[in-house]
Amino acid sequence: MSAVLITGAGARLGKAMALRFAREGHDIALHYHTSDAGAQEAAETIEAMGRRAVLLGADLGDPDACGALMARALDALPDLDGLINSASVFERDTLATMEPEFFRHQMRINAEAPLFLGQAFAHGIAGNGWIINMIDAKVRQITPEFFSYTLSKLALENATRMLAMAAAPKVRVNAVAPGWIETGMTRDLRDDPDRSSGILSRTPMRRWGQASEVGALARWLLSDEASFVTGAVYPVDGGYLAM
């Protein structure tokens, strides 16, 4: 089986996907920044499955971190052929409150880091490979909420298509766009009846999504069944209608 580098693997969807891919036989390089305890917990679980787990701490806000992180991952797992860019910052601003450094930080983590990790991955792997960028269902129906964050994910959406063209046929590049997924980040929303009902009323499937559903789509994208799929963006949002 191959190996996968997953950024943001110490929390939420990144951690869930690390565990899923390990269960299916992959060795995992787990990148983390502040979620070191979660990454360590995931590594111990993965090793208990009989798979290799490599912990790689890095601040993706550092312009030099991406190349160094990829080099460490390839050194530890030479058969690396997959990259999942799940690390993200999700912080609120508006047009009225947006500030240059806040905007640049969102862009560095959410768009620049996946782009340069993808570049290093395409140059560094020995054979063919695949990349999955985690974006956001907001790119389908944008609103001015989370102004800088949304712009960063829109940038990553288009970077996905450009990477897919530039890296083909060696590397396939696709994106998954989760909507309201049931994770620790959404706990406060789920526990607030008014806000929760408002979200579910605009979700045709009338429920929260599950991390397992995001992972299932990611798993399909690396399979032979999807070998002719590249440059695509797949929402996992229950048909959510932004308002």
Protein backbone atom coordinates (compact mmCIF):
# COMPACT_ATOMS: atom_id res chain seq x y z
CA MET A 1 0.00 0.00 0.00
CA SER A 2 1.03 3.59 -0.54
CA ALA A 3 1.61 6.40 1.93
CA VAL A 4 -0.27 9.68 2.36
CA LEU A 5 0.74 13.05 3.82
CA ILE A 6 -2.25 14.72 5.51
CA THR A 7 -1.93 18.28 6.74
CA GLY A 8 -3.93 19.33 9.76
CA ALA A 9 -4.09 15.68 10.81
CA GLY A 10 -4.39 16.40 14.51
CA ALA A 11 -8.00 17.61 14.47
CA ARG A 12 -11.40 17.38 12.85
CA LEU A 13 -11.55 16.20 9.22
CA GLY A 14 -7.80 15.85 8.86
CA LYS A 15 -7.63 13.47 11.81
CA ALA A 16 -10.70 11.55 10.65
CA MET A 17 -9.20 11.04 7.21
CA ALA A 18 -5.84 9.98 8.65
CA LEU A 19 -7.57 7.22 10.61
CA ARG A 20 -9.72 6.17 7.66
CA PHE A 21 -6.83 5.92 5.22
CA ALA A 22 -4.77 3.99 7.77
CA ARG A 23 -7.63 1.50 8.24
CA GLU A 24 -7.55 0.93 4.50
CA GLY A 25 -3.87 0.05 4.58
CA HIS A 26 -1.99 3.30 3.99
CA ASP A 27 0.97 4.54 5.99
CA ILE A 28 0.35 8.10 7.14
CA ALA A 29 2.51 11.19 7.57
CA LEU A 30 0.56 13.36 10.01
CA HIS A 31 1.26 17.06 9.82
CA TYR A 32 0.22 19.23 12.76
CA HIS A 33 0.91 22.70 14.11
CA THR A 34 -0.93 23.40 17.37
CA SER A 35 -2.90 20.13 17.54
CA ASP A 36 0.06 18.05 18.66
CA ALA A 37 -1.92 16.05 21.21
CA GLY A 38 -4.53 15.06 18.63
CA ALA A 39 -1.84 14.11 16.12
CA GLN A 40 -0.06 11.98 18.72
CA GLU A 41 -3.32 10.24 19.58
CA ALA A 42 -3.99 9.56 15.90
CA ALA A 43 -0.44 8.22 15.43
CA GLU A 44 -0.84 5.78 18.30
CA THR A 45 -4.14 4.53 16.88
CA ILE A 46 -2.61 4.12 13.42
CA GLU A 47 0.37 2.19 14.75
CA ALA A 48 -2.02 -0.09 16.66
CA MET A 49 -3.53 -0.93 13.25
CA GLY A 50 -0.11 -2.11 12.08
CA ARG A 51 0.54 0.88 9.84
CA ARG A 52 3.37 3.40 10.01
CA ALA A 53 2.62 6.84 11.42
CA VAL A 54 5.09 9.71 11.10
CA LEU A 55 4.51 12.92 13.07
CA LEU A 56 5.63 16.10 11.31
CA GLY A 57 5.17 19.43 13.06
CA ALA A 58 5.30 22.59 10.95
CA ASP A 59 3.87 26.11 10.81
CA LEU A 60 2.45 26.42 7.30
CA GLY A 61 2.35 30.17 7.74
CA ASP A 62 6.14 30.10 7.29
CA PRO A 63 6.93 30.47 3.57
CA ASP A 64 9.83 28.02 3.87
CA ALA A 65 7.84 25.35 5.72
CA CYS A 66 6.15 23.66 2.77
CA GLY A 67 9.22 22.48 0.93
CA ALA A 68 10.85 21.36 4.17
CA LEU A 69 7.71 19.49 5.25
CA MET A 70 7.46 17.63 1.96
CA ALA A 71 11.17 16.71 2.09
CA ARG A 72 10.73 15.27 5.60
CA ALA A 73 7.65 13.32 4.54
CA LEU A 74 9.40 11.82 1.50
CA ASP A 75 12.46 10.97 3.57
CA ALA A 76 10.35 9.13 6.14
CA LEU A 77 7.96 7.51 3.63
CA PRO A 78 9.69 7.14 0.23
CA ASP A 79 6.61 5.43 -1.24
CA LEU A 80 4.51 8.56 -0.61
CA ASP A 81 2.04 9.00 -3.45
CA GLY A 82 -0.82 10.95 -1.86
CA LEU A 83 -1.31 14.42 -0.37
CA ILE A 84 -4.41 15.70 1.39
CA ASN A 85 -4.32 19.43 2.14
CA SER A 86 -6.68 19.64 5.11
CA ALA A 87 -4.95 22.23 7.32
CA SER A 88 -6.95 25.43 7.45
CA VAL A 89 -7.69 28.54 9.49
CA PHE A 90 -11.32 29.56 9.78
CA GLU A 91 -11.69 32.99 11.31
CA ARG A 92 -14.36 35.62 10.84
CA ASP A 93 -13.96 39.04 9.32
CA THR A 94 -16.07 41.32 7.16
CA LEU A 95 -15.32 43.92 4.52
CA ALA A 96 -15.56 46.53 7.28
CA THR A 97 -13.12 44.77 9.63
CA MET A 98 -10.73 43.12 7.17
CA GLU A 99 -7.08 44.01 7.79
CA PRO A 100 -4.06 43.29 5.55
CA GLU A 101 -2.18 40.93 7.86
CA PHE A 102 -5.33 38.99 8.75
CA PHE A 103 -6.09 38.61 5.04
CA ARG A 104 -2.53 37.51 4.24
CA HIS A 105 -2.58 34.93 7.05
CA GLN A 106 -5.78 33.35 5.70
CA MET A 107 -4.28 33.25 2.21
CA ARG A 108 -0.96 31.80 3.39
CA ILE A 109 -2.51 28.88 5.26
CA ASN A 110 -5.58 28.18 3.12
CA ALA A 111 -4.26 28.81 -0.39
CA GLU A 112 -0.51 29.37 -0.56
CA ALA A 113 0.52 26.38 1.58
CA PRO A 114 -1.56 23.81 -0.39
CA LEU A 115 -0.23 25.26 -3.63
CA PHE A 116 3.44 25.01 -2.67
CA LEU A 117 2.99 21.63 -1.01
CA GLY A 118 1.42 20.46 -4.26
CA GLN A 119 4.37 21.83 -6.21
CA ALA A 120 6.89 20.07 -3.93
CA PHE A 121 4.87 16.85 -4.04
CA ALA A 122 4.69 16.79 -7.85
CA HIS A 123 8.43 17.40 -8.11
CA GLY A 124 9.41 15.03 -5.32
CA ILE A 125 7.50 11.78 -5.76
CA ALA A 126 9.07 9.01 -7.80
CA GLY A 127 5.98 7.77 -9.63
CA ASN A 128 2.41 8.89 -10.17
CA GLY A 129 0.34 10.39 -7.38
CA TRP A 130 -2.78 12.24 -6.33
CA ILE A 131 -3.69 15.38 -4.38
CA ILE A 132 -6.95 16.27 -2.65
CA ASN A 133 -7.47 19.86 -1.53
CA MET A 134 -10.08 20.46 1.15
CA ILE A 135 -11.90 23.66 0.28
CA ASP A 136 -15.40 24.68 1.44
CA ALA A 137 -18.94 24.46 0.12
CA LYS A 138 -19.02 28.28 0.40
CA VAL A 139 -17.23 28.45 -2.95
CA ARG A 140 -20.47 27.29 -4.62
CA GLN A 141 -22.61 30.07 -3.13
CA ILE A 142 -20.43 32.83 -1.78
CA THR A 143 -21.54 35.34 0.83
CA PRO A 144 -19.56 38.25 2.33
CA GLU A 145 -19.34 36.49 5.70
CA PHE A 146 -15.84 35.30 6.59
CA PHE A 147 -14.59 37.61 3.85
CA SER A 148 -10.87 36.73 3.87
CA TYR A 149 -11.45 33.04 4.52
CA THR A 150 -13.88 32.76 1.62
CA LEU A 151 -11.48 34.49 -0.75
CA SER A 152 -8.71 32.11 0.29
CA LYS A 153 -10.87 29.08 -0.46
CA LEU A 154 -11.92 30.54 -3.81
CA ALA A 155 -8.21 30.91 -4.60
CA LEU A 156 -7.60 27.28 -3.66
CA GLU A 157 -10.52 26.15 -5.82
CA ASN A 158 -8.92 27.70 -8.89
CA ALA A 159 -5.42 26.59 -7.86
CA THR A 160 -6.80 23.05 -7.85
CA ARG A 161 -7.79 23.32 -11.49
CA MET A 162 -4.50 24.92 -12.49
CA LEU A 163 -2.44 22.33 -10.59
CA ALA A 164 -4.44 19.58 -12.25
CA MET A 165 -3.52 20.92 -15.67
CA ALA A 166 0.11 21.64 -14.84
CA ALA A 167 0.85 18.37 -13.02
CA ALA A 168 -0.93 15.99 -15.41
CA PRO A 169 -0.55 13.18 -16.22
CA LYS A 170 1.82 12.44 -13.33
CA VAL A 171 -0.43 13.79 -10.58
CA ARG A 172 -4.22 13.99 -10.40
CA VAL A 173 -5.52 16.95 -8.40
CA ASN A 174 -9.09 17.29 -7.12
CA ALA A 175 -10.91 19.09 -4.33
CA VAL A 176 -13.58 18.20 -1.79
CA ALA A 177 -15.84 21.00 -0.54
CA PRO A 178 -17.46 20.10 2.79
CA GLY A 179 -20.50 21.93 4.07
CA TRP A 180 -21.95 21.65 7.57
CA ILE A 181 -20.12 18.56 8.81
CA GLU A 182 -20.59 17.24 12.34
CA THR A 183 -17.24 17.92 14.02
CA GLY A 184 -16.06 19.55 17.22
CA MET A 185 -16.03 22.90 15.43
CA THR A 186 -19.78 22.73 14.82
CA ARG A 187 -20.74 21.52 18.30
CA ASP A 188 -21.88 24.96 19.50
CA LEU A 189 -24.06 25.37 16.41
CA ARG A 190 -25.62 21.93 16.82
CA ASP A 191 -26.37 22.66 20.47
CA ASP A 192 -28.13 25.94 19.62
CA PRO A 193 -31.67 25.00 18.51
CA ASP A 194 -32.35 28.25 16.66
CA ARG A 195 -29.09 28.32 14.71
CA SER A 196 -29.18 24.58 14.07
CA SER A 197 -32.74 24.66 12.75
CA GLY A 198 -31.83 27.58 10.50
CA ILE A 199 -28.97 25.60 8.96
CA LEU A 200 -30.99 22.42 8.58
CA SER A 201 -33.94 24.29 7.03
CA ARG A 202 -31.60 25.38 4.21
CA THR A 203 -30.13 21.89 3.81
CA PRO A 204 -32.31 19.74 1.52
CA MET A 205 -30.98 16.54 3.16
CA ARG A 206 -32.21 17.95 6.53
CA ARG A 207 -29.25 16.71 8.58
CA TRP A 208 -25.61 17.39 9.41
CA GLY A 209 -22.97 15.74 7.26
CA GLN A 210 -20.56 13.20 8.69
CA ALA A 211 -16.77 13.10 8.52
CA SER A 212 -17.09 9.54 7.21
CA GLU A 213 -18.96 10.87 4.17
CA VAL A 214 -16.17 13.32 3.38
CA GLY A 215 -13.64 10.52 3.83
CA ALA A 216 -15.59 8.20 1.55
CA LEU A 217 -15.47 10.72 -1.28
CA ALA A 218 -11.76 11.33 -0.72
CA ARG A 219 -11.17 7.58 -0.79
CA TRP A 220 -13.03 7.24 -4.08
CA LEU A 221 -10.97 10.02 -5.64
CA LEU A 222 -7.76 8.05 -5.19
CA SER A 223 -9.24 4.80 -6.47
CA ASP A 224 -8.83 3.28 -9.92
CA GLU A 225 -12.51 4.08 -10.54
CA ALA A 226 -11.60 7.78 -10.51
CA SER A 227 -8.40 7.47 -12.53
CA PHE A 228 -9.78 9.74 -15.27
CA VAL A 229 -10.95 12.41 -12.82
CA THR A 230 -8.77 15.49 -12.28
CA GLY A 231 -9.39 19.20 -11.78
CA ALA A 232 -12.82 18.54 -10.24
CA VAL A 233 -14.46 20.02 -7.15
CA TYR A 234 -16.95 17.84 -5.28
CA PRO A 235 -19.31 19.38 -2.67
CA VAL A 236 -20.37 17.35 0.35
CA ASP A 237 -22.97 19.74 1.69
CA GLY A 238 -26.40 18.11 1.52
CA GLY A 239 -27.39 20.65 -1.12
CA TYR A 240 -27.03 23.56 1.32
CA LEU A 241 -28.56 26.83 0.11
CA ALA A 242 -26.59 29.85 1.34
CA MET A 243 -28.64 32.95 2.13
